[in-house]
Amino acid sequence: MSGSRPRVAPAGPGGALSRLRGGRRDSGDAARGAAAVLPRTEAELLALEAVRPEHVLGLSRVTENYLCRPEDNIYSIDFTKFKIRDLETGTVLFEIAKPSALEQEEDNDDGGEVDTSAGRFVRYQFTPAFLRLRTVGATVEFTVGDKPVSNFRMIERHYFRDRLLKNFDFDFGFCIPSSRNTCEHIYEFPQLSEDLIRLMVEHPYETRSDSFYFVDNKLVMHNKADYAYNGGQ
């Protein structure tokens, strides 16, 4: 799902970005970028010292493993709120906020093994109507630690089974240290055939995505998600 570089609003009080608005990067540019790299396998990327944007653009299927470790996020980038809305009607389709520090401490006190992938995977369930939406806005709020974050970029690749549906590519720009930032990514969805929509509805959670986050062209975060479109049935 391919996007264009967002416009960066002036810094708000305290230096945090007031707003980032992501448009759609020209699909021809995205295609040329993908064509500039050879196809890559997940095993090849896991063996690399540093994973870069051109590496993930060469993947032909969703990953089964995470391509970086949680501790690779040396910038302490932390996503705290997320909301999806239909831009045509303004209807909020999904909204979630990270638990407070106190709530997380209480969960940790419950004991048990720590899940190292916690916070890196999300499971969504939508109705079939979601697959016919044309434009969706995804608003994220995130904080960064005491290091400046330069050239913060997200590449998000969505697949049904082993078929790439679309590649999204957004630039967050520069984030100053210890800031709280908000941006809205605009997703323009491809027009899917009725046969493909039917298959995606009949096979929940076989639609999956990888979200790769880069700082200065080095992978620092990798999140995963899967999707069902049979809600309300």
C-alpha atoms as a PDB file:
ATOM      1  CA  MET A   1       0.000   0.000   0.000  1.00  0.00           C
ATOM      2  CA  SER A   2       2.003   2.918  -1.301  1.00  0.00           C
ATOM      3  CA  GLY A   3       1.985   6.403   0.207  1.00  0.00           C
ATOM      4  CA  SER A   4       3.658   9.717  -0.489  1.00  0.00           C
ATOM      5  CA  ARG A   5       5.825  11.754   1.795  1.00  0.00           C
ATOM      6  CA  PRO A   6       3.619  13.474   4.367  1.00  0.00           C
ATOM      7  CA  ARG A   7       3.676  17.203   4.858  1.00  0.00           C
ATOM      8  CA  VAL A   8       5.208  18.124   8.189  1.00  0.00           C
ATOM      9  CA  ALA A   9       3.459  20.774  10.232  1.00  0.00           C
ATOM     10  CA  PRO A  10       5.461  23.263  12.291  1.00  0.00           C
ATOM     11  CA  ALA A  11       6.522  22.059  15.708  1.00  0.00           C
ATOM     12  CA  GLY A  12       3.898  22.498  18.372  1.00  0.00           C
ATOM     13  CA  PRO A  13       4.418  23.500  22.019  1.00  0.00           C
ATOM     14  CA  GLY A  14       7.302  21.619  23.570  1.00  0.00           C
ATOM     15  CA  GLY A  15       8.726  20.791  20.148  1.00  0.00           C
ATOM     16  CA  ALA A  16       6.400  17.875  19.332  1.00  0.00           C
ATOM     17  CA  LEU A  17       5.088  17.707  15.804  1.00  0.00           C
ATOM     18  CA  SER A  18       1.570  19.094  15.717  1.00  0.00           C
ATOM     19  CA  ARG A  19       0.541  16.964  12.760  1.00  0.00           C
ATOM     20  CA  LEU A  20       1.937  14.783  10.027  1.00  0.00           C
ATOM     21  CA  ARG A  21      -0.363  14.108   7.143  1.00  0.00           C
ATOM     22  CA  GLY A  22       0.571  11.259   4.856  1.00  0.00           C
ATOM     23  CA  GLY A  23      -0.521  11.290   1.255  1.00  0.00           C
ATOM     24  CA  ARG A  24       0.092   8.586  -1.286  1.00  0.00           C
ATOM     25  CA  ARG A  25       3.532   8.152  -2.802  1.00  0.00           C
ATOM     26  CA  ASP A  26       3.339   7.823  -6.572  1.00  0.00           C
ATOM     27  CA  SER A  27       2.853   4.143  -7.403  1.00  0.00           C
ATOM     28  CA  GLY A  28       5.393   4.421 -10.220  1.00  0.00           C
ATOM     29  CA  ASP A  29       8.043   5.605  -7.749  1.00  0.00           C
ATOM     30  CA  ALA A  30       7.232   2.676  -5.465  1.00  0.00           C
ATOM     31  CA  ALA A  31       7.466   0.242  -8.352  1.00  0.00           C
ATOM     32  CA  ARG A  32      10.801   1.671  -9.471  1.00  0.00           C
ATOM     33  CA  GLY A  33      12.109   1.427  -5.898  1.00  0.00           C
ATOM     34  CA  ALA A  34      11.073  -2.208  -5.628  1.00  0.00           C
ATOM     35  CA  ALA A  35      12.524  -3.000  -9.049  1.00  0.00           C
ATOM     36  CA  ALA A  36      15.913  -1.611  -7.969  1.00  0.00           C
ATOM     37  CA  VAL A  37      16.465  -4.508  -5.553  1.00  0.00           C
ATOM     38  CA  LEU A  38      16.632  -8.225  -6.049  1.00  0.00           C
ATOM     39  CA  PRO A  39      13.974 -10.469  -4.472  1.00  0.00           C
ATOM     40  CA  ARG A  40      14.903 -11.394  -0.934  1.00  0.00           C
ATOM     41  CA  THR A  41      14.010 -14.282   1.328  1.00  0.00           C
ATOM     42  CA  GLU A  42      13.293 -13.937   5.013  1.00  0.00           C
ATOM     43  CA  ALA A  43      16.254 -16.197   5.818  1.00  0.00           C
ATOM     44  CA  GLU A  44      18.588 -13.838   3.947  1.00  0.00           C
ATOM     45  CA  LEU A  45      17.328 -10.824   5.858  1.00  0.00           C
ATOM     46  CA  LEU A  46      17.639 -12.553   9.227  1.00  0.00           C
ATOM     47  CA  ALA A  47      21.337 -13.097   8.474  1.00  0.00           C
ATOM     48  CA  LEU A  48      22.020  -9.402   7.789  1.00  0.00           C
ATOM     49  CA  GLU A  49      23.633  -7.138  10.359  1.00  0.00           C
ATOM     50  CA  ALA A  50      21.273  -4.312   9.383  1.00  0.00           C
ATOM     51  CA  VAL A  51      17.998  -4.546   7.446  1.00  0.00           C
ATOM     52  CA  ARG A  52      17.308  -1.602   5.135  1.00  0.00           C
ATOM     53  CA  PRO A  53      14.252  -0.440   3.154  1.00  0.00           C
ATOM     54  CA  GLU A  54      15.418  -1.941  -0.131  1.00  0.00           C
ATOM     55  CA  HIS A  55      15.699  -5.327   1.594  1.00  0.00           C
ATOM     56  CA  VAL A  56      12.064  -5.514   2.763  1.00  0.00           C
ATOM     57  CA  LEU A  57      10.836  -4.150  -0.576  1.00  0.00           C
ATOM     58  CA  GLY A  58      12.300  -7.297  -2.128  1.00  0.00           C
ATOM     59  CA  LEU A  59      10.191  -9.664  -0.012  1.00  0.00           C
ATOM     60  CA  SER A  60       7.585 -11.641  -1.938  1.00  0.00           C
ATOM     61  CA  ARG A  61       5.566 -12.880   1.038  1.00  0.00           C
ATOM     62  CA  VAL A  62       4.729 -11.974   4.622  1.00  0.00           C
ATOM     63  CA  THR A  63       7.399 -12.789   7.200  1.00  0.00           C
ATOM     64  CA  GLU A  64       7.016 -15.564   9.758  1.00  0.00           C
ATOM     65  CA  ASN A  65       9.541 -14.057  12.192  1.00  0.00           C
ATOM     66  CA  TYR A  66      10.479 -10.606  13.405  1.00  0.00           C
ATOM     67  CA  LEU A  67      13.410  -9.138  11.479  1.00  0.00           C
ATOM     68  CA  CYS A  68      14.718  -7.152  14.447  1.00  0.00           C
ATOM     69  CA  ARG A  69      14.730  -7.408  18.235  1.00  0.00           C
ATOM     70  CA  PRO A  70      12.785  -5.177  20.641  1.00  0.00           C
ATOM     71  CA  GLU A  71      16.123  -3.862  21.961  1.00  0.00           C
ATOM     72  CA  ASP A  72      16.994  -2.570  18.468  1.00  0.00           C
ATOM     73  CA  ASN A  73      14.584   0.270  19.190  1.00  0.00           C
ATOM     74  CA  ILE A  74      17.364   2.380  20.736  1.00  0.00           C
ATOM     75  CA  TYR A  75      15.269   5.522  20.206  1.00  0.00           C
ATOM     76  CA  SER A  76      12.562   4.333  22.628  1.00  0.00           C
ATOM     77  CA  ILE A  77       9.854   4.940  20.024  1.00  0.00           C
ATOM     78  CA  ASP A  78       6.574   3.988  21.669  1.00  0.00           C
ATOM     79  CA  PHE A  79       3.178   3.975  19.941  1.00  0.00           C
ATOM     80  CA  THR A  80       0.549   4.965  22.496  1.00  0.00           C
ATOM     81  CA  LYS A  81      -2.689   5.497  20.523  1.00  0.00           C
ATOM     82  CA  PHE A  82      -4.068   4.256  17.237  1.00  0.00           C
ATOM     83  CA  LYS A  83      -7.318   5.028  15.420  1.00  0.00           C
ATOM     84  CA  ILE A  84      -8.688   3.987  12.009  1.00  0.00           C
ATOM     85  CA  ARG A  85     -11.505   5.982  10.384  1.00  0.00           C
ATOM     86  CA  ASP A  86     -13.353   6.022   7.082  1.00  0.00           C
ATOM     87  CA  LEU A  87     -12.418   9.386   5.552  1.00  0.00           C
ATOM     88  CA  GLU A  88     -15.573   9.570   3.457  1.00  0.00           C
ATOM     89  CA  THR A  89     -17.976   9.335   6.418  1.00  0.00           C
ATOM     90  CA  GLY A  90     -15.726  10.078   9.410  1.00  0.00           C
ATOM     91  CA  THR A  91     -16.828   6.807  11.045  1.00  0.00           C
ATOM     92  CA  VAL A  92     -14.274   5.442  13.532  1.00  0.00           C
ATOM     93  CA  LEU A  93     -13.660   1.809  12.647  1.00  0.00           C
ATOM     94  CA  PHE A  94     -11.064   0.892  15.265  1.00  0.00           C
ATOM     95  CA  GLU A  95      -9.460   2.656  18.220  1.00  0.00           C
ATOM     96  CA  ILE A  96      -7.020   1.509  20.881  1.00  0.00           C
ATOM     97  CA  ALA A  97      -4.748   3.120  23.472  1.00  0.00           C
ATOM     98  CA  LYS A  98      -1.776   1.650  25.269  1.00  0.00           C
ATOM     99  CA  PRO A  99      -2.424   0.865  28.962  1.00  0.00           C
ATOM    100  CA  SER A 100      -0.990   3.317  31.475  1.00  0.00           C
ATOM    101  CA  ALA A 101       2.308   2.573  33.201  1.00  0.00           C
ATOM    102  CA  LEU A 102       0.393   1.625  36.374  1.00  0.00           C
ATOM    103  CA  GLU A 103      -1.822  -0.837  34.483  1.00  0.00           C
ATOM    104  CA  GLN A 104       1.232  -2.411  32.866  1.00  0.00           C
ATOM    105  CA  GLU A 105       2.916  -2.779  36.274  1.00  0.00           C
ATOM    106  CA  GLU A 106      -0.179  -4.528  37.636  1.00  0.00           C
ATOM    107  CA  ASP A 107      -0.177  -6.911  34.656  1.00  0.00           C
ATOM    108  CA  ASN A 108       3.504  -7.677  35.235  1.00  0.00           C
ATOM    109  CA  ASP A 109       2.815  -8.407  38.910  1.00  0.00           C
ATOM    110  CA  ASP A 110       0.489 -11.229  37.853  1.00  0.00           C
ATOM    111  CA  GLY A 111       3.568 -13.348  37.117  1.00  0.00           C
ATOM    112  CA  GLY A 112       4.044 -15.784  34.283  1.00  0.00           C
ATOM    113  CA  GLU A 113       6.438 -15.669  31.363  1.00  0.00           C
ATOM    114  CA  VAL A 114       7.061 -12.365  29.603  1.00  0.00           C
ATOM    115  CA  ASP A 115       5.942 -12.357  25.975  1.00  0.00           C
ATOM    116  CA  THR A 116       8.763 -10.695  24.026  1.00  0.00           C
ATOM    117  CA  SER A 117       6.408 -10.064  21.085  1.00  0.00           C
ATOM    118  CA  ALA A 118       3.857  -8.226  23.247  1.00  0.00           C
ATOM    119  CA  GLY A 119       2.922  -4.955  21.609  1.00  0.00           C
ATOM    120  CA  ARG A 120       4.343  -6.080  18.263  1.00  0.00           C
ATOM    121  CA  PHE A 121       1.292  -7.974  17.016  1.00  0.00           C
ATOM    122  CA  VAL A 122      -2.321  -6.870  16.508  1.00  0.00           C
ATOM    123  CA  ARG A 123      -5.325  -8.922  15.373  1.00  0.00           C
ATOM    124  CA  TYR A 124      -8.123  -7.007  13.646  1.00  0.00           C
ATOM    125  CA  GLN A 125     -11.680  -8.010  12.826  1.00  0.00           C
ATOM    126  CA  PHE A 126     -13.721  -5.930  10.403  1.00  0.00           C
ATOM    127  CA  THR A 127     -16.933  -6.434   8.444  1.00  0.00           C
ATOM    128  CA  PRO A 128     -16.834  -7.286   4.716  1.00  0.00           C
ATOM    129  CA  ALA A 129     -17.718  -3.657   3.983  1.00  0.00           C
ATOM    130  CA  PHE A 130     -14.192  -2.645   5.036  1.00  0.00           C
ATOM    131  CA  LEU A 131     -12.811  -4.266   1.865  1.00  0.00           C
ATOM    132  CA  ARG A 132     -14.874  -1.888  -0.285  1.00  0.00           C
ATOM    133  CA  LEU A 133     -13.636   1.303   1.382  1.00  0.00           C
ATOM    134  CA  ARG A 134     -11.595   3.569  -0.842  1.00  0.00           C
ATOM    135  CA  THR A 135      -9.763   5.863   1.601  1.00  0.00           C
ATOM    136  CA  VAL A 136      -8.987   5.275   5.281  1.00  0.00           C
ATOM    137  CA  GLY A 137      -7.120   7.467   7.751  1.00  0.00           C
ATOM    138  CA  ALA A 138      -4.920   5.880  10.421  1.00  0.00           C
ATOM    139  CA  THR A 139      -4.007   8.285  13.228  1.00  0.00           C
ATOM    140  CA  VAL A 140      -1.113   7.306  15.470  1.00  0.00           C
ATOM    141  CA  GLU A 141       0.305   8.961  18.562  1.00  0.00           C
ATOM    142  CA  PHE A 142       3.837   8.075  19.590  1.00  0.00           C
ATOM    143  CA  THR A 143       6.591   9.247  21.886  1.00  0.00           C
ATOM    144  CA  VAL A 144      10.349   9.160  21.414  1.00  0.00           C
ATOM    145  CA  GLY A 145      13.143   8.953  23.965  1.00  0.00           C
ATOM    146  CA  ASP A 146      16.136  11.191  24.572  1.00  0.00           C
ATOM    147  CA  LYS A 147      17.697  10.710  21.123  1.00  0.00           C
ATOM    148  CA  PRO A 148      16.699  12.657  17.994  1.00  0.00           C
ATOM    149  CA  VAL A 149      14.979  10.516  15.365  1.00  0.00           C
ATOM    150  CA  SER A 150      16.020  11.323  11.795  1.00  0.00           C
ATOM    151  CA  ASN A 151      14.414  10.062   8.604  1.00  0.00           C
ATOM    152  CA  PHE A 152      11.763   8.046  10.436  1.00  0.00           C
ATOM    153  CA  ARG A 153      10.034   5.920   7.800  1.00  0.00           C
ATOM    154  CA  MET A 154       7.449   3.157   7.774  1.00  0.00           C
ATOM    155  CA  ILE A 155       7.019   0.550   5.048  1.00  0.00           C
ATOM    156  CA  GLU A 156       3.865  -1.536   5.456  1.00  0.00           C
ATOM    157  CA  ARG A 157       3.177  -4.525   3.210  1.00  0.00           C
ATOM    158  CA  HIS A 158      -0.206  -6.284   3.111  1.00  0.00           C
ATOM    159  CA  TYR A 159      -0.692  -9.801   1.790  1.00  0.00           C
ATOM    160  CA  PHE A 160      -3.507 -12.265   1.270  1.00  0.00           C
ATOM    161  CA  ARG A 161      -1.878 -15.658   1.528  1.00  0.00           C
ATOM    162  CA  ASP A 162       1.285 -15.193  -0.574  1.00  0.00           C
ATOM    163  CA  ARG A 163      -0.099 -12.411  -2.763  1.00  0.00           C
ATOM    164  CA  LEU A 164       1.065  -8.840  -2.154  1.00  0.00           C
ATOM    165  CA  LEU A 165      -2.046  -6.654  -2.100  1.00  0.00           C
ATOM    166  CA  LYS A 166      -0.280  -3.323  -1.750  1.00  0.00           C
ATOM    167  CA  ASN A 167       2.781  -1.612  -0.323  1.00  0.00           C
ATOM    168  CA  PHE A 168       2.417   1.549   1.804  1.00  0.00           C
ATOM    169  CA  ASP A 169       5.411   3.833   2.313  1.00  0.00           C
ATOM    170  CA  PHE A 170       5.254   6.815   4.690  1.00  0.00           C
ATOM    171  CA  ASP A 171       7.856   9.249   5.987  1.00  0.00           C
ATOM    172  CA  PHE A 172       7.371  10.628   9.499  1.00  0.00           C
ATOM    173  CA  GLY A 173      10.302  13.007   9.032  1.00  0.00           C
ATOM    174  CA  PHE A 174      12.336  14.260  12.002  1.00  0.00           C
ATOM    175  CA  CYS A 175      11.228  13.892  15.626  1.00  0.00           C
ATOM    176  CA  ILE A 176      12.933  15.886  18.371  1.00  0.00           C
ATOM    177  CA  PRO A 177      14.022  14.100  21.572  1.00  0.00           C
ATOM    178  CA  SER A 178      11.474  13.514  24.340  1.00  0.00           C
ATOM    179  CA  SER A 179       8.556  14.549  22.123  1.00  0.00           C
ATOM    180  CA  ARG A 180       5.003  13.316  21.699  1.00  0.00           C
ATOM    181  CA  ASN A 181       3.920  13.209  18.060  1.00  0.00           C
ATOM    182  CA  THR A 182       0.680  12.680  16.169  1.00  0.00           C
ATOM    183  CA  CYS A 183       0.249  11.883  12.497  1.00  0.00           C
ATOM    184  CA  GLU A 184      -2.441  10.584  10.213  1.00  0.00           C
ATOM    185  CA  HIS A 185      -1.537   8.248   7.375  1.00  0.00           C
ATOM    186  CA  ILE A 186      -3.920   8.269   4.431  1.00  0.00           C
ATOM    187  CA  TYR A 187      -4.414   4.805   2.944  1.00  0.00           C
ATOM    188  CA  GLU A 188      -5.849   4.590  -0.553  1.00  0.00           C
ATOM    189  CA  PHE A 189      -6.965   1.013  -0.953  1.00  0.00           C
ATOM    190  CA  PRO A 190      -6.773  -0.913  -4.222  1.00  0.00           C
ATOM    191  CA  GLN A 191     -10.000  -1.955  -5.897  1.00  0.00           C
ATOM    192  CA  LEU A 192     -10.389  -5.665  -5.183  1.00  0.00           C
ATOM    193  CA  SER A 193     -12.309  -8.094  -7.346  1.00  0.00           C
ATOM    194  CA  GLU A 194     -15.470  -9.596  -5.911  1.00  0.00           C
ATOM    195  CA  ASP A 195     -13.881 -13.052  -6.101  1.00  0.00           C
ATOM    196  CA  LEU A 196     -10.897 -11.895  -4.024  1.00  0.00           C
ATOM    197  CA  ILE A 197     -13.156 -10.167  -1.497  1.00  0.00           C
ATOM    198  CA  ARG A 198     -15.149 -13.379  -1.107  1.00  0.00           C
ATOM    199  CA  LEU A 199     -11.973 -15.385  -0.467  1.00  0.00           C
ATOM    200  CA  MET A 200     -10.682 -12.862   2.071  1.00  0.00           C
ATOM    201  CA  VAL A 201     -14.008 -12.961   3.936  1.00  0.00           C
ATOM    202  CA  GLU A 202     -14.169 -16.768   3.869  1.00  0.00           C
ATOM    203  CA  HIS A 203     -10.597 -17.174   5.139  1.00  0.00           C
ATOM    204  CA  PRO A 204     -10.159 -15.026   8.253  1.00  0.00           C
ATOM    205  CA  TYR A 205      -6.652 -14.128   9.399  1.00  0.00           C
ATOM    206  CA  GLU A 206      -5.072 -15.258   6.127  1.00  0.00           C
ATOM    207  CA  THR A 207      -4.707 -11.562   5.311  1.00  0.00           C
ATOM    208  CA  ARG A 208      -1.559 -10.388   7.077  1.00  0.00           C
ATOM    209  CA  SER A 209       0.801  -7.452   7.149  1.00  0.00           C
ATOM    210  CA  ASP A 210       4.328  -6.461   8.098  1.00  0.00           C
ATOM    211  CA  SER A 211       5.060  -2.932   9.338  1.00  0.00           C
ATOM    212  CA  PHE A 212       8.746  -2.046   9.162  1.00  0.00           C
ATOM    213  CA  TYR A 213      10.050   1.112  10.868  1.00  0.00           C
ATOM    214  CA  PHE A 214      13.384   2.626   9.884  1.00  0.00           C
ATOM    215  CA  VAL A 215      15.539   5.403  11.317  1.00  0.00           C
ATOM    216  CA  ASP A 216      18.255   6.630   8.965  1.00  0.00           C
ATOM    217  CA  ASN A 217      17.498   3.639   6.725  1.00  0.00           C
ATOM    218  CA  LYS A 218      18.098   1.020   9.434  1.00  0.00           C
ATOM    219  CA  LEU A 219      15.308  -1.231  10.718  1.00  0.00           C
ATOM    220  CA  VAL A 220      14.569  -0.474  14.380  1.00  0.00           C
ATOM    221  CA  MET A 221      11.017  -1.852  14.803  1.00  0.00           C
ATOM    222  CA  HIS A 222       8.945  -4.578  13.159  1.00  0.00           C
ATOM    223  CA  ASN A 223       5.259  -5.074  13.915  1.00  0.00           C
ATOM    224  CA  LYS A 224       2.872  -7.658  12.499  1.00  0.00           C
ATOM    225  CA  ALA A 225      -0.904  -7.954  12.148  1.00  0.00           C
ATOM    226  CA  ASP A 226      -3.552 -10.237  10.746  1.00  0.00           C
ATOM    227  CA  TYR A 227      -7.098  -9.478   9.656  1.00  0.00           C
ATOM    228  CA  ALA A 228     -10.538 -11.059   9.469  1.00  0.00           C
ATOM    229  CA  TYR A 229     -13.343  -9.520   7.415  1.00  0.00           C
ATOM    230  CA  ASN A 230     -16.224 -11.712   8.579  1.00  0.00           C
ATOM    231  CA  GLY A 231     -17.448  -9.503  11.423  1.00  0.00           C
ATOM    232  CA  GLY A 232     -21.194  -9.255  11.840  1.00  0.00           C
ATOM    233  CA  GLN A 233     -21.845 -12.540  10.061  1.00  0.00           C
END
